[in-house]
Amino acid sequence: MSLPSVAAVTPGSPAARAGVMPGDEIRSMGGQVLRDVISYQILADEAVVDLELARGGLELAVTVYKEAAEPLGLEISSALFDRIRTCDNHCEFCFIHQLPKGMRPSLYVKDDDYRLSFLYGNFTTLTRFTESDLERVVTERLSPLYVSIHATDPDVRARMLRNRRGATSLRWLRVLLDHGIVVHGQVVVCPGVNDGAVLDDTLTGVLDRFADLATVACVPLGVSKHSGETGLRGHTTAEAAAVVEQVDTWQGVFGSVLGRRMVWAADEYYLLADRPFPPADSYEGYSQHENGIGMARAFADGFQPAASGGGMGTAQPQPPRHSGFFQAVDGAPAEGYRAVRSPGTVTMRPSRRAPVAVVTGEYGAQVLRPLLPPTVRVVTVVNHFFGGTTRVAGLLTGTDVARALATEPEGHRYLLPDVCLNEGRFLDGLTLADLPRPVEVVPADGSSLRLALAPRPELVPA
């Protein structure tokens, strides 16, 4: 158990007026020792907040007076103050097991913590969920949660998780739903393991036992070249097409029975199968956008005014963005507890009239090429760092981006999606300053890229 520390204090906030300072450690709040930012947020909503602080070896008692529900004005340094509940499953498809050595330590933390599911959208298997956890989730209404289902057949699920509790832990899913907790599900589809007839059985189980799930995402496993699992492989084109067709069939079934589609296939399946993406309204609000469900369609629709020759047009509303994989443990900014992708700054900018190129991964290039005008190039970055089936922009490293940019001409504008960065760093620890060409970081949605490409007055170099 560690004490939460104050990372920042908003000037003029109630906490600032009471004398709280960055670096202070919070020993207790309202007489309670804090476990995580969830308990912090609940106690911080009170009109009178009593804090016991530690500062430079001194203990201080501070009382903050404010309006009820008014922000306290503190940013806490981390999400959890007690120990992260780590995962005791041994799934062969777990990407964390497939990471190379030498990356920052937080990336190797394999969590199965319902709190990180609530805060960041991480998926939990519920194999370490307890009665005490249930009481807290229900009492504090920690909703929505995200649960990895993989299979509803107990034996198949236990084999996939390599954990005998995998056969029974979905009982917690039923109890959560019975208490009105919103839950989004996920099935990581592995060829020859839980696809085909097993996937049909799983979706039958969802309809029979968990029909009140909010959504279910069918996503492909990722295979890194660093995997030690000899039986692990990616989907073939035919297998990807089969998943798309299965999901389409089941959407019809769920639609007939429940009045909503319930299940979706990840964008990667459509790219692998060379199938067109479904229309925007078929995603019913993009509830699993950050899990790769409908991300390409939302991007294309946001970019469309420029692609169709309509000029700037009206910005399309974009799905809400949440922190993604590899970001949960690094920090907990106070506003929504969402990790910052990038500071969005560059040290210099070429002329706005310079030739433009968009830097992205292999899947991103597939999505972008039909949208971009001929005057805009795509620099496709092959993911040598992870290798295997890793083709998404969010897993690009600075090493691979630098390799791709090294052969590109100077003086051009290079636009990089912000999903490559976490607080200004790539997964391998490199920063924008380590790249051989200056880049402009652009939020990874179609509207932002459209605005970045639109003509406008010259910017003064930073």
Protein backbone atom coordinates (compact mmCIF):
# COMPACT_ATOMS: atom_id res chain seq x y z
CA MET A 1 0.00 0.00 0.00
CA SER A 2 1.49 3.33 -1.05
CA LEU A 3 0.25 6.83 -0.32
CA PRO A 4 -1.28 8.76 -3.22
CA SER A 5 0.70 11.85 -4.08
CA VAL A 6 -0.51 15.12 -5.56
CA ALA A 7 0.82 15.52 -9.10
CA ALA A 8 -0.69 18.96 -9.74
CA VAL A 9 -2.96 21.54 -8.13
CA THR A 10 -5.27 23.68 -10.25
CA PRO A 11 -4.58 27.39 -9.57
CA GLY A 12 -7.46 29.05 -7.76
CA SER A 13 -9.14 25.73 -6.94
CA PRO A 14 -10.49 24.89 -3.48
CA ALA A 15 -7.44 22.69 -2.83
CA ALA A 16 -5.08 25.49 -3.84
CA ARG A 17 -6.86 27.97 -1.56
CA ALA A 18 -6.53 25.49 1.32
CA GLY A 19 -2.77 25.26 0.76
CA VAL A 20 -2.40 21.81 -0.82
CA MET A 21 0.81 21.63 -2.86
CA PRO A 22 2.23 19.36 -5.58
CA GLY A 23 4.25 16.57 -4.00
CA ASP A 24 2.03 16.32 -0.92
CA GLU A 25 1.17 12.76 0.05
CA ILE A 26 -2.41 12.11 1.12
CA ARG A 27 -2.35 10.01 4.28
CA SER A 28 -6.12 10.05 4.59
CA MET A 29 -9.20 11.81 3.25
CA GLY A 30 -12.31 12.17 5.38
CA GLY A 31 -10.62 9.91 7.90
CA GLN A 32 -10.26 7.10 5.37
CA VAL A 33 -7.11 5.67 3.83
CA LEU A 34 -7.52 5.80 0.06
CA ARG A 35 -7.23 2.63 -2.02
CA ASP A 36 -7.58 4.18 -5.47
CA VAL A 37 -8.81 7.20 -7.39
CA ILE A 38 -12.33 5.82 -7.24
CA SER A 39 -12.51 6.23 -3.47
CA TYR A 40 -10.68 9.55 -3.85
CA GLN A 41 -13.31 10.87 -6.27
CA ILE A 42 -16.22 9.83 -4.06
CA LEU A 43 -14.75 11.56 -1.00
CA ALA A 44 -13.63 14.59 -3.01
CA ASP A 45 -17.25 15.30 -3.96
CA GLU A 46 -18.11 16.30 -0.38
CA ALA A 47 -18.55 19.97 0.52
CA VAL A 48 -16.03 19.70 3.37
CA VAL A 49 -12.96 17.54 2.74
CA ASP A 50 -10.58 16.81 5.60
CA LEU A 51 -7.10 15.87 4.43
CA GLU A 52 -4.17 14.50 6.38
CA LEU A 53 -1.04 15.27 4.36
CA ALA A 54 2.64 14.40 4.55
CA ARG A 55 5.01 17.08 3.28
CA GLY A 56 8.79 16.92 3.65
CA GLY A 57 8.65 14.84 6.81
CA LEU A 58 5.86 16.96 8.34
CA GLU A 59 2.28 15.89 8.92
CA LEU A 60 -0.39 18.48 8.11
CA ALA A 61 -4.14 18.61 8.67
CA VAL A 62 -5.94 20.58 5.94
CA THR A 63 -9.65 21.19 5.56
CA VAL A 64 -10.97 22.15 2.13
CA TYR A 65 -14.29 24.00 1.91
CA LYS A 66 -16.15 24.02 -1.37
CA GLU A 67 -19.49 23.45 -3.01
CA ALA A 68 -20.71 19.85 -3.06
CA ALA A 69 -19.53 18.12 -6.27
CA GLU A 70 -17.25 21.09 -7.10
CA PRO A 71 -13.87 19.79 -8.30
CA LEU A 72 -11.30 19.66 -5.55
CA GLY A 73 -8.61 20.76 -7.98
CA LEU A 74 -6.08 17.99 -7.51
CA GLU A 75 -4.47 15.62 -9.97
CA ILE A 76 -3.40 12.36 -8.40
CA SER A 77 -0.23 10.63 -9.58
CA SER A 78 -1.63 7.14 -10.13
CA ALA A 79 -4.86 5.22 -10.43
CA LEU A 80 -4.35 2.62 -7.70
CA PHE A 81 -2.64 3.07 -4.36
CA ASP A 82 -2.79 -0.51 -3.16
CA ARG A 83 -1.46 -3.40 -5.24
CA ILE A 84 -2.77 -3.97 -8.72
CA ARG A 85 -4.62 -7.25 -8.90
CA THR A 86 -2.56 -9.17 -11.40
CA CYS A 87 -3.88 -11.83 -13.73
CA ASP A 88 -3.40 -15.47 -12.79
CA ASN A 89 -4.48 -16.80 -16.19
CA HIS A 90 -1.92 -18.07 -18.69
CA CYS A 91 -3.66 -17.47 -22.01
CA GLU A 92 -1.43 -18.40 -24.92
CA PHE A 93 -2.75 -15.43 -26.90
CA CYS A 94 -1.96 -12.85 -24.18
CA PHE A 95 0.02 -10.11 -25.90
CA ILE A 96 1.89 -9.19 -22.73
CA HIS A 97 3.53 -12.62 -22.82
CA GLN A 98 4.68 -11.75 -26.33
CA LEU A 99 6.53 -8.53 -25.49
CA PRO A 100 10.28 -8.34 -26.06
CA LYS A 101 12.60 -7.59 -23.17
CA GLY A 102 13.82 -4.14 -22.29
CA MET A 103 10.59 -2.13 -22.45
CA ARG A 104 9.35 0.05 -19.58
CA PRO A 105 8.31 -2.09 -16.58
CA SER A 106 4.66 -1.00 -16.52
CA LEU A 107 4.05 -2.67 -19.88
CA TYR A 108 4.72 -6.09 -18.37
CA VAL A 109 2.06 -5.68 -15.68
CA LYS A 110 -0.69 -8.14 -16.56
CA ASP A 111 -3.72 -6.94 -14.64
CA ASP A 112 -7.09 -8.55 -13.99
CA ASP A 113 -8.38 -5.72 -11.82
CA TYR A 114 -12.02 -4.69 -12.05
CA ARG A 115 -11.06 -1.13 -11.04
CA LEU A 116 -8.89 -0.72 -14.14
CA SER A 117 -11.77 -2.14 -16.13
CA PHE A 118 -13.99 0.64 -14.80
CA LEU A 119 -11.38 3.40 -15.08
CA TYR A 120 -9.79 2.56 -18.42
CA GLY A 121 -11.88 -0.02 -20.21
CA ASN A 122 -9.40 -2.85 -19.58
CA PHE A 123 -10.94 -6.29 -19.95
CA THR A 124 -11.11 -8.55 -16.91
CA THR A 125 -11.75 -12.29 -16.91
CA LEU A 126 -13.35 -12.20 -13.41
CA THR A 127 -11.24 -15.19 -12.31
CA ARG A 128 -10.02 -13.20 -9.30
CA PHE A 129 -13.30 -11.43 -8.61
CA THR A 130 -14.70 -11.83 -5.06
CA GLU A 131 -17.82 -11.20 -3.01
CA SER A 132 -16.14 -8.11 -1.58
CA ASP A 133 -15.48 -6.82 -5.09
CA LEU A 134 -19.11 -7.40 -6.03
CA GLU A 135 -20.31 -5.48 -2.98
CA ARG A 136 -18.16 -2.51 -3.90
CA VAL A 137 -19.07 -2.52 -7.59
CA VAL A 138 -22.78 -2.64 -6.79
CA THR A 139 -22.66 -0.16 -3.90
CA GLU A 140 -20.54 2.41 -5.74
CA ARG A 141 -22.15 1.67 -9.12
CA LEU A 142 -18.85 1.08 -10.89
CA SER A 143 -20.30 0.82 -14.35
CA PRO A 144 -19.60 0.03 -17.13
CA LEU A 145 -17.20 -2.88 -16.77
CA TYR A 146 -15.50 -4.84 -19.55
CA VAL A 147 -15.32 -8.64 -19.39
CA SER A 148 -13.35 -11.11 -21.50
CA ILE A 149 -15.70 -13.99 -22.31
CA HIS A 150 -13.79 -15.89 -25.04
CA ALA A 151 -16.13 -18.89 -24.71
CA THR A 152 -19.27 -19.70 -22.76
CA ASP A 153 -18.51 -23.43 -22.72
CA PRO A 154 -16.82 -23.93 -19.31
CA ASP A 155 -14.26 -26.44 -20.54
CA VAL A 156 -13.25 -24.38 -23.58
CA ARG A 157 -12.93 -21.23 -21.49
CA ALA A 158 -10.84 -22.97 -18.83
CA ARG A 159 -8.50 -24.33 -21.52
CA MET A 160 -8.15 -20.93 -23.16
CA LEU A 161 -7.39 -19.19 -19.88
CA ARG A 162 -5.29 -22.14 -18.68
CA ASN A 163 -7.01 -21.66 -15.37
CA ARG A 164 -9.62 -23.99 -13.91
CA ARG A 165 -11.48 -21.01 -12.43
CA GLY A 166 -12.16 -19.91 -15.99
CA ALA A 167 -14.84 -22.60 -16.10
CA THR A 168 -16.87 -20.96 -13.32
CA SER A 169 -15.93 -17.26 -13.17
CA LEU A 170 -18.62 -16.17 -15.63
CA ARG A 171 -21.06 -16.67 -12.77
CA TRP A 172 -19.89 -13.23 -11.63
CA LEU A 173 -20.92 -11.81 -14.98
CA ARG A 174 -24.47 -13.06 -14.41
CA VAL A 175 -24.55 -11.53 -10.91
CA LEU A 176 -23.21 -8.18 -12.17
CA LEU A 177 -25.88 -8.03 -14.83
CA ASP A 178 -28.56 -8.99 -12.29
CA HIS A 179 -27.54 -5.94 -10.24
CA GLY A 180 -27.87 -3.60 -13.20
CA ILE A 181 -24.17 -3.13 -13.92
CA VAL A 182 -23.54 -2.32 -17.58
CA VAL A 183 -21.05 -4.81 -18.99
CA HIS A 184 -19.37 -4.95 -22.40
CA GLY A 185 -18.01 -8.33 -23.45
CA GLN A 186 -15.14 -9.46 -25.64
CA VAL A 187 -14.29 -12.67 -27.45
CA VAL A 188 -10.69 -12.97 -28.63
CA VAL A 189 -11.14 -15.37 -31.53
CA CYS A 190 -8.27 -17.83 -31.99
CA PRO A 191 -8.14 -19.95 -35.18
CA GLY A 192 -8.89 -23.59 -34.49
CA VAL A 193 -9.68 -22.92 -30.84
CA ASN A 194 -12.85 -20.87 -30.39
CA ASP A 195 -13.86 -19.94 -33.92
CA GLY A 196 -16.33 -21.78 -36.16
CA ALA A 197 -18.76 -23.98 -34.24
CA VAL A 198 -17.31 -22.89 -30.88
CA LEU A 199 -17.99 -19.24 -31.71
CA ASP A 200 -21.56 -20.14 -32.63
CA ASP A 201 -21.87 -21.95 -29.30
CA THR A 202 -20.45 -18.94 -27.46
CA LEU A 203 -22.93 -16.52 -29.03
CA THR A 204 -25.72 -18.98 -28.33
CA GLY A 205 -24.60 -18.93 -24.70
CA VAL A 206 -24.60 -15.13 -24.70
CA LEU A 207 -28.17 -15.06 -26.01
CA ASP A 208 -29.28 -17.72 -23.53
CA ARG A 209 -27.47 -16.59 -20.36
CA PHE A 210 -26.16 -13.05 -20.87
CA ALA A 211 -28.66 -11.36 -23.18
CA ASP A 212 -28.50 -8.19 -21.07
CA LEU A 213 -24.85 -7.58 -21.97
CA ALA A 214 -24.45 -4.15 -23.56
CA THR A 215 -22.21 -5.32 -26.42
CA VAL A 216 -19.94 -8.16 -27.46
CA ALA A 217 -16.83 -7.61 -29.59
CA CYS A 218 -15.22 -10.38 -31.62
CA VAL A 219 -11.57 -9.41 -32.03
CA PRO A 220 -8.67 -11.33 -33.59
CA LEU A 221 -5.75 -12.46 -31.50
CA GLY A 222 -2.50 -10.60 -31.99
CA VAL A 223 0.63 -12.62 -32.63
CA SER A 224 4.05 -11.12 -31.98
CA LYS A 225 7.27 -12.56 -33.36
CA HIS A 226 8.36 -12.82 -29.73
CA SER A 227 5.64 -15.35 -28.88
CA GLY A 228 6.87 -18.66 -27.52
CA GLU A 229 3.62 -20.45 -28.32
CA THR A 230 4.31 -22.71 -31.27
CA GLY A 231 0.61 -23.34 -31.97
CA LEU A 232 -0.28 -19.65 -32.09
CA ARG A 233 -1.04 -18.16 -35.52
CA GLY A 234 -3.04 -15.39 -37.10
CA HIS A 235 -6.20 -15.73 -39.19
CA THR A 236 -6.13 -16.55 -42.86
CA THR A 237 -8.17 -14.45 -45.26
CA ALA A 238 -10.80 -17.19 -45.44
CA GLU A 239 -10.99 -17.47 -41.66
CA ALA A 240 -11.40 -13.71 -41.31
CA ALA A 241 -14.20 -13.75 -43.89
CA ALA A 242 -15.89 -16.58 -41.99
CA VAL A 243 -15.88 -14.55 -38.76
CA VAL A 244 -17.38 -11.55 -40.58
CA GLU A 245 -20.14 -13.74 -42.00
CA GLN A 246 -20.82 -15.42 -38.65
CA VAL A 247 -21.10 -12.10 -36.87
CA ASP A 248 -23.40 -10.77 -39.59
CA THR A 249 -25.67 -13.80 -39.16
CA TRP A 250 -25.73 -13.43 -35.40
CA GLN A 251 -26.50 -9.73 -35.64
CA GLY A 252 -29.67 -10.77 -37.42
CA VAL A 253 -30.49 -13.26 -34.66
CA PHE A 254 -29.87 -10.78 -31.85
CA GLY A 255 -31.77 -8.10 -33.76
CA SER A 256 -34.80 -10.35 -34.10
CA VAL A 257 -34.78 -11.47 -30.46
CA LEU A 258 -33.44 -8.40 -28.61
CA GLY A 259 -34.01 -5.56 -31.04
CA ARG A 260 -30.30 -4.71 -31.21
CA ARG A 261 -27.26 -6.20 -32.91
CA MET A 262 -25.30 -6.96 -29.70
CA VAL A 263 -22.22 -8.43 -31.43
CA TRP A 264 -19.69 -6.86 -33.81
CA ALA A 265 -16.54 -7.96 -35.60
CA ALA A 266 -13.40 -5.87 -35.20
CA ASP A 267 -12.21 -3.71 -38.08
CA GLU A 268 -9.20 -5.98 -38.54
CA TYR A 269 -11.47 -8.74 -39.78
CA TYR A 270 -12.83 -6.57 -42.57
CA LEU A 271 -9.31 -5.52 -43.53
CA LEU A 272 -8.04 -9.09 -43.50
CA ALA A 273 -11.04 -10.32 -45.50
CA ASP A 274 -10.95 -7.31 -47.86
CA ARG A 275 -14.60 -6.58 -47.06
CA PRO A 276 -16.21 -3.12 -46.92
CA PHE A 277 -16.92 -1.71 -43.48
CA PRO A 278 -20.55 -1.61 -42.34
CA PRO A 279 -22.36 1.78 -42.32
CA ALA A 280 -22.11 4.00 -39.24
CA ASP A 281 -25.63 3.38 -37.98
CA SER A 282 -24.98 -0.36 -37.79
CA TYR A 283 -22.53 0.22 -34.93
CA GLU A 284 -25.27 1.58 -32.67
CA GLY A 285 -23.21 4.27 -30.99
CA TYR A 286 -19.70 2.79 -31.26
CA SER A 287 -19.70 1.49 -27.69
CA GLN A 288 -16.46 -0.45 -28.27
CA HIS A 289 -14.79 2.08 -30.56
CA GLU A 290 -11.45 1.91 -28.72
CA ASN A 291 -11.51 -1.87 -29.03
CA GLY A 292 -11.35 -1.51 -32.81
CA ILE A 293 -15.09 -1.85 -33.42
CA GLY A 294 -16.16 0.68 -36.04
CA MET A 295 -13.05 2.81 -35.67
CA ALA A 296 -12.36 2.77 -39.42
CA ARG A 297 -15.95 3.67 -40.30
CA ALA A 298 -16.00 6.53 -37.81
CA PHE A 299 -12.66 7.75 -39.17
CA ALA A 300 -13.85 7.65 -42.77
CA ASP A 301 -17.10 9.45 -41.94
CA GLY A 302 -15.23 12.13 -40.02
CA PHE A 303 -12.86 12.64 -42.94
CA GLN A 304 -15.48 12.41 -45.67
CA PRO A 305 -16.23 16.14 -46.26
CA ALA A 306 -12.64 16.65 -47.47
CA ALA A 307 -12.53 13.39 -49.39
CA SER A 308 -15.73 14.21 -51.26
CA GLY A 309 -14.49 17.61 -52.35
CA GLY A 310 -16.80 19.46 -50.00
CA GLY A 311 -14.07 21.66 -48.52
CA MET A 312 -13.95 22.07 -44.78
CA GLY A 313 -17.56 21.01 -44.40
CA THR A 314 -19.15 20.39 -41.01
CA ALA A 315 -17.17 18.38 -38.51
CA GLN A 316 -18.70 14.97 -37.97
CA PRO A 317 -19.32 14.01 -34.33
CA GLN A 318 -16.72 11.49 -33.27
CA PRO A 319 -17.18 8.58 -30.85
CA PRO A 320 -15.89 9.22 -27.33
CA ARG A 321 -12.24 8.24 -26.94
CA HIS A 322 -10.85 6.36 -24.00
CA SER A 323 -7.43 5.26 -22.99
CA GLY A 324 -6.35 2.12 -24.74
CA PHE A 325 -4.13 -0.88 -24.27
CA PHE A 326 -0.75 -0.27 -22.59
CA GLN A 327 -1.92 2.93 -20.92
CA ALA A 328 -3.78 1.93 -17.81
CA VAL A 329 -0.96 1.66 -15.31
CA ASP A 330 1.08 4.68 -16.25
CA GLY A 331 -1.00 7.43 -14.69
CA ALA A 332 -4.40 8.80 -13.84
CA PRO A 333 -4.95 12.40 -14.93
CA ALA A 334 -7.73 13.93 -12.87
CA GLU A 335 -10.02 14.73 -15.78
CA GLY A 336 -11.77 11.44 -16.40
CA TYR A 337 -8.67 9.50 -15.34
CA ARG A 338 -7.63 9.15 -18.97
CA ALA A 339 -3.97 9.00 -19.87
CA VAL A 340 -2.70 11.74 -22.18
CA ARG A 341 -1.73 10.47 -25.62
CA SER A 342 0.77 13.19 -26.46
CA PRO A 343 1.55 16.81 -25.61
CA GLY A 344 0.87 17.53 -29.29
CA THR A 345 3.93 19.73 -29.77
CA VAL A 346 6.72 19.67 -32.32
CA THR A 347 10.00 21.51 -32.26
CA MET A 348 9.59 22.91 -35.79
CA ARG A 349 7.08 22.89 -38.62
CA PRO A 350 7.80 22.95 -42.33
CA SER A 351 5.77 25.29 -44.48
CA ARG A 352 2.08 24.56 -44.66
CA ARG A 353 2.54 24.52 -48.42
CA ALA A 354 5.10 21.71 -48.20
CA PRO A 355 4.19 18.25 -49.53
CA VAL A 356 2.27 16.24 -46.95
CA ALA A 357 2.56 12.61 -45.86
CA VAL A 358 0.62 10.68 -43.24
CA VAL A 359 2.68 8.23 -41.20
CA THR A 360 0.77 5.17 -40.04
CA GLY A 361 0.77 1.39 -39.70
CA GLU A 362 -0.17 -1.16 -42.33
CA TYR A 363 -3.84 -1.29 -41.37
CA GLY A 364 -4.02 2.48 -41.14
CA ALA A 365 -2.59 2.71 -44.66
CA GLN A 366 -5.36 0.42 -45.93
CA VAL A 367 -7.99 2.70 -44.43
CA LEU A 368 -6.37 5.97 -45.51
CA ARG A 369 -5.40 5.36 -49.12
CA PRO A 370 -8.96 5.39 -50.52
CA LEU A 371 -9.73 8.57 -48.56
CA LEU A 372 -6.71 10.80 -49.18
CA PRO A 373 -6.35 13.03 -52.22
CA PRO A 374 -3.52 12.15 -54.65
CA THR A 375 -1.42 15.02 -53.30
CA VAL A 376 -1.11 13.40 -49.87
CA ARG A 377 1.26 10.45 -49.51
CA VAL A 378 1.04 7.61 -47.00
CA VAL A 379 4.22 6.49 -45.29
CA THR A 380 3.50 2.92 -44.24
CA VAL A 381 5.46 1.81 -41.20
CA VAL A 382 6.05 -1.92 -40.96
CA ASN A 383 6.11 -3.09 -37.36
CA HIS A 384 9.47 -4.85 -37.19
CA PHE A 385 9.64 -4.34 -33.42
CA PHE A 386 6.72 -6.68 -32.64
CA GLY A 387 6.45 -8.41 -36.00
CA GLY A 388 3.94 -11.19 -36.52
CA THR A 389 0.41 -9.95 -37.19
CA THR A 390 0.99 -6.56 -35.52
CA ARG A 391 -0.19 -3.94 -38.03
CA VAL A 392 -2.13 -1.34 -36.04
CA ALA A 393 -0.86 2.21 -35.61
CA GLY A 394 -1.32 2.10 -31.85
CA LEU A 395 1.50 -0.44 -31.47
CA LEU A 396 4.08 1.36 -33.61
CA THR A 397 7.38 2.09 -31.89
CA GLY A 398 9.71 5.03 -32.34
CA THR A 399 12.34 2.67 -33.72
CA ASP A 400 10.15 1.61 -36.63
CA VAL A 401 8.81 5.11 -37.27
CA ALA A 402 12.37 6.45 -37.32
CA ARG A 403 13.41 3.72 -39.77
CA ALA A 404 10.56 4.64 -42.12
CA LEU A 405 11.22 8.39 -41.91
CA ALA A 406 14.97 8.08 -42.42
CA THR A 407 14.52 7.53 -46.16
CA GLU A 408 11.85 10.24 -46.55
CA PRO A 409 12.72 13.68 -47.99
CA GLU A 410 13.38 16.63 -45.71
CA GLY A 411 11.15 19.68 -45.71
CA HIS A 412 7.89 17.73 -46.02
CA ARG A 413 5.09 17.72 -43.47
CA TYR A 414 4.74 14.39 -41.69
CA LEU A 415 1.51 13.78 -39.75
CA LEU A 416 1.61 11.12 -37.04
CA PRO A 417 -1.50 9.76 -35.23
CA ASP A 418 -1.44 10.40 -31.51
CA VAL A 419 -2.26 6.76 -30.70
CA CYS A 420 1.43 5.98 -31.26
CA LEU A 421 2.32 7.97 -28.15
CA ASN A 422 1.66 7.87 -24.44
CA GLU A 423 2.57 11.12 -22.71
CA GLY A 424 4.90 11.93 -25.57
CA ARG A 425 6.69 8.56 -25.68
CA PHE A 426 6.47 5.59 -28.00
CA LEU A 427 6.20 2.08 -26.57
CA ASP A 428 9.96 1.62 -26.85
CA GLY A 429 10.61 4.82 -24.89
CA LEU A 430 11.66 7.01 -27.83
CA THR A 431 10.25 10.53 -28.15
CA LEU A 432 9.46 12.83 -31.07
CA ALA A 433 12.92 14.36 -30.67
CA ASP A 434 14.47 10.99 -31.55
CA LEU A 435 12.88 10.92 -35.01
CA PRO A 436 14.98 11.91 -38.03
CA ARG A 437 12.23 14.21 -39.36
CA PRO A 438 9.95 16.61 -37.46
CA VAL A 439 6.38 15.35 -37.22
CA GLU A 440 3.04 16.88 -36.35
CA VAL A 441 0.96 14.83 -33.93
CA VAL A 442 -2.68 14.65 -34.96
CA PRO A 443 -5.57 13.08 -33.00
CA ALA A 444 -6.47 9.76 -34.60
CA ASP A 445 -9.89 10.67 -35.93
CA GLY A 446 -11.00 11.67 -39.41
CA SER A 447 -12.11 15.18 -38.54
CA SER A 448 -8.75 16.05 -36.99
CA LEU A 449 -6.82 14.75 -39.98
CA ARG A 450 -9.14 16.64 -42.33
CA LEU A 451 -8.48 19.87 -40.44
CA ALA A 452 -4.72 19.21 -40.38
CA LEU A 453 -4.74 18.87 -44.18
CA ALA A 454 -6.96 21.90 -44.80
CA PRO A 455 -5.24 25.07 -46.13
CA ARG A 456 -4.78 27.74 -43.49
CA PRO A 457 -2.34 30.56 -42.65
CA GLU A 458 1.27 29.73 -41.94
CA LEU A 459 2.08 28.70 -38.37
CA VAL A 460 4.95 30.33 -36.59
CA PRO A 461 7.63 27.71 -35.78
CA ALA A 462 7.63 26.72 -32.12
